[in-house]
Amino acid sequence: MFAITLHEAAHGYVARHFGDTTAWSLGRISLNPLRHIDLVGTIIVPLVILVTSKLAAGSGILFGWAKPMPVNFHALRNPKQDMFWVAAAGPAANLVMAIAWALVLKGAMLMPPNLFTLPLSLMAEAGITVNVVLMVLNLLPILPLDGGRIAVSLLPNRLARGYSRLEPLGFPILLVLLFTNVLSLVLSPMVQGSIQVIEIIFHL
């Protein structure tokens, strides 16, 4: 919950910085996890993934999403350009949190093993994994994920408009990819590679 809370709050803070006060006026820019819970994305989908993976004796990637941060891109000072920074803020927040957990894990590894460092290490490892999964997932170039927004901000105007029209198909596509295991096959190597990079950098 903390990972998706900071992810969504980052979108809101950056949107406000660039001129859109929608989320701020609605009281959505908050570090209170309860404000970001989405019935489907935060509760139902993770439970379904957990149950189906257990029944299939598999180890698929467990993920979910929070209630989307309301952003009026037309209210941004430079809508197309600023969209990039608003969208990138979420994955960037997850990267920062993954690095922070890596530092916690490094600190725990430097201390003598005891009843405090063992659970701390396990929590840090989980924190790294959760944030890397969220970062990689959200960077997929599928609307309405952050990667899709980033793609729209970088494409020429004509292509960007055409790509934006595909947004209603985004979540159905993701759910199909999820339950056919294609999403796990795509994400797993990227997640594992990202975690390995963090492990190499911090000598974990």
N, C-alpha and C. Protein backbone atom coordinates (compact mmCIF):
# COMPACT_ATOMS: atom_id res chain seq x y z
N MET A 1 0.82 -1.21 0.00
CA MET A 1 0.00 0.00 0.00
C MET A 1 0.85 1.25 0.00
N PHE A 2 1.96 1.22 0.76
CA PHE A 2 2.82 2.40 0.83
C PHE A 2 3.41 2.71 -0.54
N ALA A 3 3.75 1.66 -1.29
CA ALA A 3 4.36 1.85 -2.61
C ALA A 3 3.39 2.52 -3.58
N ILE A 4 2.13 2.04 -3.62
CA ILE A 4 1.19 2.65 -4.56
C ILE A 4 0.70 4.00 -4.06
N THR A 5 0.72 4.21 -2.73
CA THR A 5 0.32 5.51 -2.19
C THR A 5 1.30 6.60 -2.62
N LEU A 6 2.60 6.35 -2.44
CA LEU A 6 3.60 7.34 -2.86
C LEU A 6 3.62 7.49 -4.37
N HIS A 7 3.38 6.40 -5.08
CA HIS A 7 3.33 6.45 -6.55
C HIS A 7 2.26 7.45 -7.01
N GLU A 8 1.06 7.31 -6.47
CA GLU A 8 -0.04 8.19 -6.87
C GLU A 8 0.16 9.61 -6.35
N ALA A 9 0.64 9.74 -5.12
CA ALA A 9 0.88 11.07 -4.56
C ALA A 9 1.90 11.83 -5.40
N ALA A 10 2.90 11.12 -5.91
CA ALA A 10 3.92 11.76 -6.75
C ALA A 10 3.29 12.37 -8.00
N HIS A 11 2.34 11.64 -8.61
CA HIS A 11 1.63 12.20 -9.77
C HIS A 11 0.96 13.51 -9.40
N GLY A 12 0.27 13.50 -8.26
CA GLY A 12 -0.47 14.68 -7.84
C GLY A 12 0.42 15.87 -7.54
N TYR A 13 1.53 15.63 -6.84
CA TYR A 13 2.45 16.72 -6.51
C TYR A 13 3.06 17.34 -7.76
N VAL A 14 3.46 16.49 -8.71
CA VAL A 14 4.09 17.00 -9.94
C VAL A 14 3.06 17.72 -10.80
N ALA A 15 1.83 17.19 -10.86
CA ALA A 15 0.78 17.87 -11.62
C ALA A 15 0.51 19.25 -11.03
N ARG A 16 0.48 19.34 -9.71
CA ARG A 16 0.27 20.64 -9.07
C ARG A 16 1.42 21.59 -9.39
N HIS A 17 2.63 21.07 -9.40
CA HIS A 17 3.80 21.89 -9.71
C HIS A 17 3.69 22.50 -11.11
N PHE A 18 3.12 21.73 -12.03
CA PHE A 18 3.02 22.21 -13.41
C PHE A 18 1.68 22.89 -13.72
N GLY A 19 0.89 23.17 -12.69
CA GLY A 19 -0.28 24.02 -12.89
C GLY A 19 -1.64 23.39 -12.73
N ASP A 20 -1.74 22.06 -12.58
CA ASP A 20 -3.05 21.42 -12.42
C ASP A 20 -3.33 21.17 -10.94
N THR A 21 -4.36 21.81 -10.43
CA THR A 21 -4.69 21.70 -9.00
C THR A 21 -5.89 20.77 -8.76
N THR A 22 -6.27 19.99 -9.77
CA THR A 22 -7.45 19.11 -9.65
C THR A 22 -7.34 18.18 -8.44
N ALA A 23 -6.26 17.42 -8.38
CA ALA A 23 -6.09 16.45 -7.28
C ALA A 23 -6.00 17.16 -5.94
N TRP A 24 -5.33 18.30 -5.92
CA TRP A 24 -5.17 19.06 -4.68
C TRP A 24 -6.53 19.54 -4.17
N SER A 25 -7.35 20.07 -5.07
CA SER A 25 -8.65 20.60 -4.65
C SER A 25 -9.60 19.49 -4.19
N LEU A 26 -9.38 18.26 -4.68
CA LEU A 26 -10.21 17.12 -4.28
C LEU A 26 -9.67 16.41 -3.04
N GLY A 27 -8.54 16.90 -2.53
CA GLY A 27 -7.95 16.28 -1.35
C GLY A 27 -7.30 14.94 -1.61
N ARG A 28 -6.91 14.68 -2.88
CA ARG A 28 -6.34 13.39 -3.24
C ARG A 28 -4.82 13.34 -3.08
N ILE A 29 -4.19 14.51 -2.95
CA ILE A 29 -2.74 14.49 -2.75
C ILE A 29 -2.49 14.24 -1.27
N SER A 30 -2.39 12.98 -0.93
CA SER A 30 -2.31 12.57 0.47
C SER A 30 -1.46 11.32 0.60
N LEU A 31 -0.80 11.19 1.74
CA LEU A 31 -0.03 9.98 2.03
C LEU A 31 -0.87 8.98 2.84
N ASN A 32 -2.16 9.27 2.97
CA ASN A 32 -3.08 8.35 3.64
C ASN A 32 -3.49 7.26 2.64
N PRO A 33 -3.07 6.01 2.86
CA PRO A 33 -3.37 4.93 1.90
C PRO A 33 -4.86 4.75 1.63
N LEU A 34 -5.71 5.04 2.61
CA LEU A 34 -7.15 4.83 2.44
C LEU A 34 -7.73 5.70 1.34
N ARG A 35 -7.11 6.84 1.07
CA ARG A 35 -7.59 7.73 0.02
C ARG A 35 -7.28 7.18 -1.37
N HIS A 36 -6.41 6.20 -1.45
CA HIS A 36 -5.97 5.70 -2.76
C HIS A 36 -6.43 4.28 -3.05
N ILE A 37 -7.22 3.68 -2.14
CA ILE A 37 -7.67 2.31 -2.36
C ILE A 37 -8.70 2.25 -3.49
N ASP A 38 -8.47 1.34 -4.42
CA ASP A 38 -9.40 1.08 -5.51
C ASP A 38 -9.93 -0.34 -5.31
N LEU A 39 -11.26 -0.48 -5.27
CA LEU A 39 -11.86 -1.78 -4.97
C LEU A 39 -11.34 -2.88 -5.89
N VAL A 40 -11.30 -2.59 -7.18
CA VAL A 40 -10.85 -3.59 -8.15
C VAL A 40 -9.34 -3.76 -8.11
N GLY A 41 -8.62 -2.65 -8.28
CA GLY A 41 -7.17 -2.73 -8.44
C GLY A 41 -6.39 -3.04 -7.18
N THR A 42 -6.88 -2.57 -6.03
CA THR A 42 -6.14 -2.75 -4.78
C THR A 42 -6.55 -4.01 -4.02
N ILE A 43 -7.77 -4.47 -4.25
CA ILE A 43 -8.28 -5.60 -3.47
C ILE A 43 -8.60 -6.82 -4.34
N ILE A 44 -9.52 -6.65 -5.30
CA ILE A 44 -10.02 -7.81 -6.06
C ILE A 44 -8.96 -8.45 -6.94
N VAL A 45 -8.28 -7.64 -7.79
CA VAL A 45 -7.29 -8.20 -8.72
C VAL A 45 -6.15 -8.90 -7.98
N PRO A 46 -5.52 -8.28 -6.96
CA PRO A 46 -4.45 -9.00 -6.24
C PRO A 46 -4.94 -10.31 -5.62
N LEU A 47 -6.18 -10.32 -5.07
CA LEU A 47 -6.71 -11.55 -4.48
C LEU A 47 -6.92 -12.63 -5.54
N VAL A 48 -7.45 -12.22 -6.71
CA VAL A 48 -7.67 -13.18 -7.79
C VAL A 48 -6.35 -13.76 -8.27
N ILE A 49 -5.34 -12.88 -8.43
CA ILE A 49 -4.02 -13.34 -8.87
C ILE A 49 -3.44 -14.32 -7.85
N LEU A 50 -3.56 -13.96 -6.57
CA LEU A 50 -3.02 -14.81 -5.50
C LEU A 50 -3.68 -16.19 -5.50
N VAL A 51 -5.01 -16.21 -5.60
CA VAL A 51 -5.75 -17.48 -5.56
C VAL A 51 -5.44 -18.32 -6.79
N THR A 52 -5.48 -17.71 -7.98
CA THR A 52 -5.24 -18.48 -9.21
C THR A 52 -3.81 -19.00 -9.27
N SER A 53 -2.85 -18.21 -8.79
CA SER A 53 -1.47 -18.67 -8.81
C SER A 53 -1.26 -19.83 -7.84
N LYS A 54 -1.97 -19.79 -6.70
CA LYS A 54 -1.88 -20.89 -5.74
C LYS A 54 -2.52 -22.16 -6.31
N LEU A 55 -3.68 -22.00 -6.96
CA LEU A 55 -4.37 -23.15 -7.54
C LEU A 55 -3.57 -23.77 -8.67
N ALA A 56 -2.84 -22.91 -9.41
CA ALA A 56 -2.05 -23.41 -10.53
C ALA A 56 -0.65 -23.80 -10.09
N ALA A 57 -0.38 -23.68 -8.79
CA ALA A 57 0.94 -23.99 -8.23
C ALA A 57 2.03 -23.20 -8.94
N GLY A 58 1.68 -21.96 -9.29
CA GLY A 58 2.65 -21.11 -10.00
C GLY A 58 3.17 -20.01 -9.11
N SER A 59 3.96 -19.15 -9.70
CA SER A 59 4.53 -18.02 -8.94
C SER A 59 4.47 -16.77 -9.79
N GLY A 60 3.24 -16.46 -10.29
CA GLY A 60 3.08 -15.27 -11.12
C GLY A 60 3.35 -14.00 -10.33
N ILE A 61 3.54 -12.92 -11.05
CA ILE A 61 3.81 -11.63 -10.41
C ILE A 61 2.52 -11.08 -9.81
N LEU A 62 2.55 -10.81 -8.52
CA LEU A 62 1.39 -10.24 -7.83
C LEU A 62 1.46 -8.73 -7.93
N PHE A 63 0.40 -8.13 -8.45
CA PHE A 63 0.40 -6.67 -8.55
C PHE A 63 -1.03 -6.16 -8.48
N GLY A 64 -1.15 -4.86 -8.33
CA GLY A 64 -2.45 -4.21 -8.33
C GLY A 64 -2.23 -2.74 -8.63
N TRP A 65 -3.26 -1.95 -8.43
CA TRP A 65 -3.11 -0.52 -8.67
C TRP A 65 -4.02 0.24 -7.72
N ALA A 66 -3.70 1.50 -7.54
CA ALA A 66 -4.49 2.35 -6.66
C ALA A 66 -5.52 3.11 -7.49
N LYS A 67 -6.39 3.84 -6.79
CA LYS A 67 -7.34 4.70 -7.48
C LYS A 67 -6.54 5.75 -8.26
N PRO A 68 -6.77 5.87 -9.57
CA PRO A 68 -5.96 6.80 -10.38
C PRO A 68 -6.03 8.23 -9.85
N MET A 69 -4.90 8.90 -9.86
CA MET A 69 -4.85 10.29 -9.44
C MET A 69 -5.53 11.15 -10.50
N PRO A 70 -6.54 11.96 -10.12
CA PRO A 70 -7.21 12.80 -11.12
C PRO A 70 -6.29 13.92 -11.61
N VAL A 71 -5.97 13.88 -12.89
CA VAL A 71 -5.10 14.89 -13.49
C VAL A 71 -5.79 15.45 -14.73
N ASN A 72 -5.95 16.76 -14.79
CA ASN A 72 -6.48 17.43 -15.97
C ASN A 72 -5.29 17.93 -16.79
N PHE A 73 -4.91 17.15 -17.78
CA PHE A 73 -3.70 17.49 -18.54
C PHE A 73 -3.85 18.82 -19.28
N HIS A 74 -5.08 19.20 -19.60
CA HIS A 74 -5.30 20.48 -20.29
C HIS A 74 -5.01 21.66 -19.37
N ALA A 75 -5.02 21.42 -18.05
CA ALA A 75 -4.75 22.50 -17.09
C ALA A 75 -3.26 22.71 -16.87
N LEU A 76 -2.44 21.81 -17.38
CA LEU A 76 -0.99 21.97 -17.25
C LEU A 76 -0.51 23.13 -18.11
N ARG A 77 0.56 23.77 -17.70
CA ARG A 77 1.04 24.93 -18.44
C ARG A 77 1.44 24.57 -19.87
N ASN A 78 2.13 23.45 -20.03
CA ASN A 78 2.48 22.93 -21.36
C ASN A 78 2.01 21.48 -21.40
N PRO A 79 0.72 21.27 -21.75
CA PRO A 79 0.10 19.95 -21.57
C PRO A 79 0.91 18.76 -22.08
N LYS A 80 1.35 18.80 -23.32
CA LYS A 80 2.02 17.64 -23.89
C LYS A 80 3.39 17.42 -23.25
N GLN A 81 4.11 18.50 -23.05
CA GLN A 81 5.45 18.40 -22.45
C GLN A 81 5.37 18.02 -20.97
N ASP A 82 4.47 18.67 -20.24
CA ASP A 82 4.37 18.41 -18.80
C ASP A 82 3.77 17.04 -18.50
N MET A 83 2.99 16.49 -19.45
CA MET A 83 2.43 15.15 -19.27
C MET A 83 3.55 14.14 -19.02
N PHE A 84 4.68 14.33 -19.70
CA PHE A 84 5.81 13.42 -19.53
C PHE A 84 6.24 13.37 -18.07
N TRP A 85 6.40 14.55 -17.45
CA TRP A 85 6.92 14.61 -16.09
C TRP A 85 5.89 14.11 -15.08
N VAL A 86 4.61 14.42 -15.32
CA VAL A 86 3.55 13.93 -14.42
C VAL A 86 3.50 12.40 -14.47
N ALA A 87 3.56 11.84 -15.67
CA ALA A 87 3.50 10.38 -15.82
C ALA A 87 4.74 9.70 -15.25
N ALA A 88 5.90 10.30 -15.51
CA ALA A 88 7.17 9.70 -15.06
C ALA A 88 7.34 9.76 -13.55
N ALA A 89 6.60 10.66 -12.90
CA ALA A 89 6.76 10.83 -11.44
C ALA A 89 6.42 9.56 -10.67
N GLY A 90 5.41 8.81 -11.12
CA GLY A 90 5.02 7.59 -10.42
C GLY A 90 6.11 6.53 -10.42
N PRO A 91 6.57 6.09 -11.62
CA PRO A 91 7.67 5.12 -11.66
C PRO A 91 8.93 5.63 -10.97
N ALA A 92 9.19 6.95 -11.09
CA ALA A 92 10.37 7.51 -10.43
C ALA A 92 10.26 7.37 -8.91
N ALA A 93 9.05 7.57 -8.38
CA ALA A 93 8.84 7.40 -6.94
C ALA A 93 9.11 5.96 -6.52
N ASN A 94 8.67 5.01 -7.35
CA ASN A 94 8.93 3.60 -7.04
C ASN A 94 10.42 3.28 -7.11
N LEU A 95 11.13 3.89 -8.05
CA LEU A 95 12.58 3.68 -8.14
C LEU A 95 13.27 4.20 -6.89
N VAL A 96 12.88 5.39 -6.45
CA VAL A 96 13.46 5.98 -5.24
C VAL A 96 13.19 5.08 -4.03
N MET A 97 11.96 4.55 -3.94
CA MET A 97 11.63 3.67 -2.81
C MET A 97 12.40 2.36 -2.88
N ALA A 98 12.60 1.83 -4.09
CA ALA A 98 13.38 0.60 -4.24
C ALA A 98 14.82 0.82 -3.78
N ILE A 99 15.38 1.98 -4.14
CA ILE A 99 16.74 2.32 -3.72
C ILE A 99 16.80 2.49 -2.20
N ALA A 100 15.77 3.13 -1.64
CA ALA A 100 15.73 3.32 -0.18
C ALA A 100 15.70 1.97 0.54
N TRP A 101 14.89 1.04 0.02
CA TRP A 101 14.83 -0.30 0.63
C TRP A 101 16.15 -1.04 0.44
N ALA A 102 16.83 -0.79 -0.68
CA ALA A 102 18.15 -1.41 -0.90
C ALA A 102 19.15 -0.92 0.15
N LEU A 103 19.07 0.36 0.49
CA LEU A 103 19.95 0.91 1.52
C LEU A 103 19.62 0.30 2.89
N VAL A 104 18.32 0.10 3.15
CA VAL A 104 17.92 -0.54 4.41
C VAL A 104 18.46 -1.96 4.46
N LEU A 105 18.34 -2.69 3.33
CA LEU A 105 18.84 -4.07 3.28
C LEU A 105 20.35 -4.10 3.46
N LYS A 106 21.05 -3.15 2.84
CA LYS A 106 22.50 -3.09 2.99
C LYS A 106 22.87 -2.85 4.45
N GLY A 107 22.15 -1.94 5.10
CA GLY A 107 22.41 -1.68 6.51
C GLY A 107 22.17 -2.90 7.38
N ALA A 108 21.09 -3.63 7.08
CA ALA A 108 20.78 -4.84 7.85
C ALA A 108 21.85 -5.91 7.65
N MET A 109 22.40 -5.98 6.44
CA MET A 109 23.44 -6.97 6.15
C MET A 109 24.75 -6.67 6.87
N LEU A 110 24.96 -5.38 7.17
CA LEU A 110 26.20 -4.98 7.84
C LEU A 110 26.13 -5.18 9.35
N MET A 111 24.92 -5.42 9.86
CA MET A 111 24.76 -5.63 11.30
C MET A 111 24.80 -7.13 11.61
N PRO A 112 25.18 -7.49 12.83
CA PRO A 112 25.18 -8.91 13.22
C PRO A 112 23.76 -9.48 13.13
N PRO A 113 23.62 -10.70 12.62
CA PRO A 113 22.28 -11.31 12.51
C PRO A 113 21.61 -11.42 13.88
N ASN A 114 20.38 -10.96 13.96
CA ASN A 114 19.63 -11.07 15.21
C ASN A 114 18.13 -11.03 14.90
N LEU A 115 17.31 -10.99 15.94
CA LEU A 115 15.87 -11.03 15.75
C LEU A 115 15.32 -9.76 15.11
N PHE A 116 16.14 -8.71 15.04
CA PHE A 116 15.72 -7.46 14.41
C PHE A 116 16.13 -7.42 12.94
N THR A 117 17.37 -7.83 12.66
CA THR A 117 17.88 -7.69 11.29
C THR A 117 17.25 -8.69 10.32
N LEU A 118 16.86 -9.88 10.79
CA LEU A 118 16.27 -10.87 9.89
C LEU A 118 14.93 -10.39 9.32
N PRO A 119 13.95 -10.01 10.17
CA PRO A 119 12.70 -9.50 9.59
C PRO A 119 12.89 -8.21 8.81
N LEU A 120 13.86 -7.38 9.24
CA LEU A 120 14.13 -6.14 8.51
C LEU A 120 14.64 -6.45 7.11
N SER A 121 15.50 -7.46 7.00
CA SER A 121 16.02 -7.86 5.69
C SER A 121 14.90 -8.38 4.79
N LEU A 122 14.03 -9.21 5.36
CA LEU A 122 12.91 -9.76 4.58
C LEU A 122 11.97 -8.65 4.11
N MET A 123 11.72 -7.68 4.99
CA MET A 123 10.85 -6.56 4.65
C MET A 123 11.50 -5.70 3.55
N ALA A 124 12.80 -5.49 3.65
CA ALA A 124 13.52 -4.70 2.65
C ALA A 124 13.51 -5.39 1.30
N GLU A 125 13.71 -6.70 1.29
CA GLU A 125 13.68 -7.46 0.04
C GLU A 125 12.31 -7.36 -0.61
N ALA A 126 11.26 -7.47 0.21
CA ALA A 126 9.90 -7.34 -0.31
C ALA A 126 9.66 -5.93 -0.85
N GLY A 127 10.18 -4.92 -0.13
CA GLY A 127 10.03 -3.54 -0.57
C GLY A 127 10.69 -3.29 -1.91
N ILE A 128 11.86 -3.85 -2.11
CA ILE A 128 12.56 -3.72 -3.39
C ILE A 128 11.73 -4.35 -4.50
N THR A 129 11.28 -5.58 -4.26
CA THR A 129 10.53 -6.32 -5.29
C THR A 129 9.23 -5.62 -5.66
N VAL A 130 8.45 -5.22 -4.66
CA VAL A 130 7.16 -4.58 -4.92
C VAL A 130 7.34 -3.31 -5.73
N ASN A 131 8.31 -2.49 -5.35
CA ASN A 131 8.51 -1.22 -6.05
C ASN A 131 9.06 -1.41 -7.46
N VAL A 132 9.92 -2.40 -7.65
CA VAL A 132 10.43 -2.67 -9.00
C VAL A 132 9.30 -3.18 -9.89
N VAL A 133 8.44 -4.06 -9.35
CA VAL A 133 7.30 -4.57 -10.13
C VAL A 133 6.39 -3.41 -10.55
N LEU A 134 6.07 -2.52 -9.62
CA LEU A 134 5.21 -1.38 -9.94
C LEU A 134 5.87 -0.46 -10.96
N MET A 135 7.16 -0.23 -10.82
CA MET A 135 7.88 0.63 -11.76
C MET A 135 7.85 0.05 -13.17
N VAL A 136 8.21 -1.22 -13.28
CA VAL A 136 8.28 -1.87 -14.60
C VAL A 136 6.90 -1.98 -15.22
N LEU A 137 5.91 -2.39 -14.43
CA LEU A 137 4.55 -2.51 -14.94
C LEU A 137 4.05 -1.19 -15.49
N ASN A 138 4.24 -0.12 -14.72
CA ASN A 138 3.72 1.18 -15.12
C ASN A 138 4.47 1.80 -16.28
N LEU A 139 5.64 1.29 -16.60
CA LEU A 139 6.39 1.81 -17.74
C LEU A 139 6.02 1.11 -19.05
N LEU A 140 5.15 0.09 -18.98
CA LEU A 140 4.67 -0.53 -20.22
C LEU A 140 3.91 0.52 -21.03
N PRO A 141 4.15 0.61 -22.33
CA PRO A 141 3.53 1.67 -23.14
C PRO A 141 2.07 1.38 -23.50
N ILE A 142 1.27 1.11 -22.46
CA ILE A 142 -0.15 0.82 -22.65
C ILE A 142 -0.95 1.85 -21.85
N LEU A 143 -1.82 2.59 -22.50
CA LEU A 143 -2.68 3.52 -21.78
C LEU A 143 -3.73 2.73 -20.99
N PRO A 144 -4.09 3.17 -19.79
CA PRO A 144 -3.72 4.43 -19.14
C PRO A 144 -2.51 4.33 -18.21
N LEU A 145 -1.66 3.33 -18.39
CA LEU A 145 -0.45 3.24 -17.57
C LEU A 145 0.46 4.43 -17.85
N ASP A 146 1.37 4.68 -16.92
CA ASP A 146 2.29 5.82 -17.06
C ASP A 146 3.12 5.72 -18.33
N GLY A 147 3.52 4.51 -18.70
CA GLY A 147 4.29 4.34 -19.93
C GLY A 147 3.51 4.77 -21.15
N GLY A 148 2.20 4.54 -21.14
CA GLY A 148 1.35 5.00 -22.23
C GLY A 148 1.30 6.52 -22.29
N ARG A 149 1.20 7.17 -21.12
CA ARG A 149 1.20 8.64 -21.07
C ARG A 149 2.53 9.20 -21.57
N ILE A 150 3.61 8.54 -21.16
CA ILE A 150 4.93 8.98 -21.61
C ILE A 150 5.03 8.85 -23.12
N ALA A 151 4.51 7.74 -23.67
CA ALA A 151 4.52 7.55 -25.13
C ALA A 151 3.74 8.65 -25.83
N VAL A 152 2.56 8.99 -25.31
CA VAL A 152 1.75 10.06 -25.91
C VAL A 152 2.50 11.38 -25.89
N SER A 153 3.20 11.66 -24.78
CA SER A 153 3.92 12.93 -24.67
C SER A 153 5.09 13.02 -25.64
N LEU A 154 5.62 11.87 -26.05
CA LEU A 154 6.80 11.87 -26.93
C LEU A 154 6.45 11.72 -28.41
N LEU A 155 5.26 11.19 -28.71
CA LEU A 155 4.87 10.99 -30.10
C LEU A 155 4.50 12.31 -30.76
N PRO A 156 4.66 12.40 -32.09
CA PRO A 156 4.15 13.58 -32.82
C PRO A 156 2.65 13.72 -32.58
N ASN A 157 2.15 14.94 -32.68
CA ASN A 157 0.76 15.23 -32.31
C ASN A 157 -0.26 14.30 -32.97
N ARG A 158 -0.10 14.06 -34.27
CA ARG A 158 -1.07 13.23 -34.98
C ARG A 158 -1.08 11.80 -34.45
N LEU A 159 0.10 11.24 -34.26
CA LEU A 159 0.19 9.88 -33.72
C LEU A 159 -0.27 9.83 -32.27
N ALA A 160 0.03 10.88 -31.52
CA ALA A 160 -0.37 10.94 -30.11
C ALA A 160 -1.89 10.92 -29.98
N ARG A 161 -2.57 11.68 -30.85
CA ARG A 161 -4.04 11.70 -30.80
C ARG A 161 -4.62 10.32 -31.13
N GLY A 162 -4.06 9.68 -32.13
CA GLY A 162 -4.52 8.34 -32.50
C GLY A 162 -4.28 7.33 -31.39
N TYR A 163 -3.11 7.43 -30.77
CA TYR A 163 -2.76 6.50 -29.69
C TYR A 163 -3.67 6.71 -28.49
N SER A 164 -4.01 7.97 -28.21
CA SER A 164 -4.87 8.29 -27.06
C SER A 164 -6.25 7.66 -27.19
N ARG A 165 -6.71 7.47 -28.43
CA ARG A 165 -8.04 6.88 -28.64
C ARG A 165 -8.09 5.42 -28.22
N LEU A 166 -6.92 4.81 -28.04
CA LEU A 166 -6.88 3.40 -27.65
C LEU A 166 -7.02 3.20 -26.14
N GLU A 167 -7.06 4.31 -25.38
CA GLU A 167 -7.07 4.21 -23.92
C GLU A 167 -8.19 3.34 -23.35
N PRO A 168 -9.44 3.42 -23.89
CA PRO A 168 -10.50 2.56 -23.33
C PRO A 168 -10.20 1.06 -23.42
N LEU A 169 -9.29 0.69 -24.31
CA LEU A 169 -8.94 -0.73 -24.47
C LEU A 169 -7.83 -1.16 -23.53
N GLY A 170 -7.22 -0.20 -22.83
CA GLY A 170 -6.03 -0.48 -22.04
C GLY A 170 -6.21 -1.54 -20.97
N PHE A 171 -7.17 -1.35 -20.07
CA PHE A 171 -7.35 -2.30 -18.97
C PHE A 171 -7.85 -3.66 -19.45
N PRO A 172 -8.79 -3.73 -20.42
CA PRO A 172 -9.13 -5.05 -20.96
C PRO A 172 -7.93 -5.78 -21.53
N ILE A 173 -7.05 -5.05 -22.22
CA ILE A 173 -5.84 -5.67 -22.77
C ILE A 173 -4.96 -6.20 -21.64
N LEU A 174 -4.79 -5.39 -20.59
CA LEU A 174 -3.96 -5.80 -19.46
C LEU A 174 -4.52 -7.05 -18.77
N LEU A 175 -5.84 -7.09 -18.61
CA LEU A 175 -6.45 -8.24 -17.95
C LEU A 175 -6.29 -9.51 -18.79
N VAL A 176 -6.42 -9.37 -20.11
CA VAL A 176 -6.21 -10.52 -21.00
C VAL A 176 -4.77 -11.00 -20.90
N LEU A 177 -3.82 -10.05 -20.94
CA LEU A 177 -2.40 -10.40 -20.83
C LEU A 177 -2.11 -11.05 -19.48
N LEU A 178 -2.79 -10.56 -18.44
CA LEU A 178 -2.58 -11.10 -17.09
C LEU A 178 -3.04 -12.55 -16.98
N PHE A 179 -4.28 -12.80 -17.39
CA PHE A 179 -4.85 -14.13 -17.16
C PHE A 179 -4.45 -15.15 -18.23
N THR A 180 -3.72 -14.70 -19.26
CA THR A 180 -3.12 -15.66 -20.20
C THR A 180 -1.64 -15.87 -19.89
N ASN A 181 -1.19 -15.24 -18.78
CA ASN A 181 0.19 -15.36 -18.29
C ASN A 181 1.21 -14.65 -19.17
N VAL A 182 0.75 -13.95 -20.21
CA VAL A 182 1.68 -13.22 -21.08
C VAL A 182 2.33 -12.08 -20.31
N LEU A 183 1.55 -11.41 -19.47
CA LEU A 183 2.07 -10.28 -18.71
C LEU A 183 3.21 -10.71 -17.81
N SER A 184 3.05 -11.84 -17.15
CA SER A 184 4.11 -12.36 -16.28
C SER A 184 5.36 -12.70 -17.08
N LEU A 185 5.17 -13.29 -18.26
CA LEU A 185 6.30 -13.65 -19.11
C LEU A 185 7.07 -12.41 -19.58
N VAL A 186 6.33 -11.32 -19.81
CA VAL A 186 6.97 -10.07 -20.25
C VAL A 186 7.65 -9.37 -19.09
N LEU A 187 6.96 -9.30 -17.95
CA LEU A 187 7.47 -8.53 -16.81
C LEU A 187 8.61 -9.22 -16.08
N SER A 188 8.53 -10.54 -15.94
CA SER A 188 9.49 -11.27 -15.10
C SER A 188 10.95 -10.99 -15.44
N PRO A 189 11.37 -11.10 -16.73
CA PRO A 189 12.78 -10.82 -17.02
C PRO A 189 13.17 -9.37 -16.75
N MET A 190 12.25 -8.43 -16.98
CA MET A 190 12.56 -7.02 -16.74
C MET A 190 12.66 -6.74 -15.24
N VAL A 191 11.77 -7.36 -14.46
CA VAL A 191 11.81 -7.19 -13.01
C VAL A 191 13.08 -7.81 -12.44
N GLN A 192 13.38 -9.03 -12.86
CA GLN A 192 14.58 -9.72 -12.37
C GLN A 192 15.84 -8.96 -12.77
N GLY A 193 15.87 -8.45 -14.00
CA GLY A 193 17.03 -7.69 -14.45
C GLY A 193 17.22 -6.41 -13.65
N SER A 194 16.11 -5.72 -13.37
CA SER A 194 16.18 -4.47 -12.59
C SER A 194 16.67 -4.74 -11.17
N ILE A 195 16.16 -5.82 -10.56
CA ILE A 195 16.59 -6.18 -9.21
C ILE A 195 18.07 -6.54 -9.20
N GLN A 196 18.52 -7.25 -10.22
CA GLN A 196 19.94 -7.61 -10.30
C GLN A 196 20.83 -6.38 -10.42
N VAL A 197 20.37 -5.38 -11.17
CA VAL A 197 21.13 -4.13 -11.28
C VAL A 197 21.26 -3.47 -9.91
N ILE A 198 20.15 -3.42 -9.16
CA ILE A 198 20.18 -2.84 -7.81
C ILE A 198 21.12 -3.63 -6.91
N GLU A 199 21.07 -4.96 -7.01
CA GLU A 199 21.94 -5.80 -6.19
C GLU A 199 23.41 -5.56 -6.52
N ILE A 200 23.71 -5.38 -7.80
CA ILE A 200 25.10 -5.13 -8.21
C ILE A 200 25.58 -3.77 -7.70
N ILE A 201 24.73 -2.75 -7.86
CA ILE A 201 25.11 -1.39 -7.46
C ILE A 201 25.37 -1.31 -5.95
N PHE A 202 24.52 -1.97 -5.17
CA PHE A 202 24.63 -1.88 -3.71
C PHE A 202 25.34 -3.07 -3.08
N HIS A 203 25.87 -3.97 -3.92
CA HIS A 203 26.61 -5.14 -3.44
C HIS A 203 25.77 -5.94 -2.44
N LEU A 204 24.56 -6.26 -2.85
CA LEU A 204 23.65 -7.00 -1.96
C LEU A 204 23.81 -8.50 -2.14
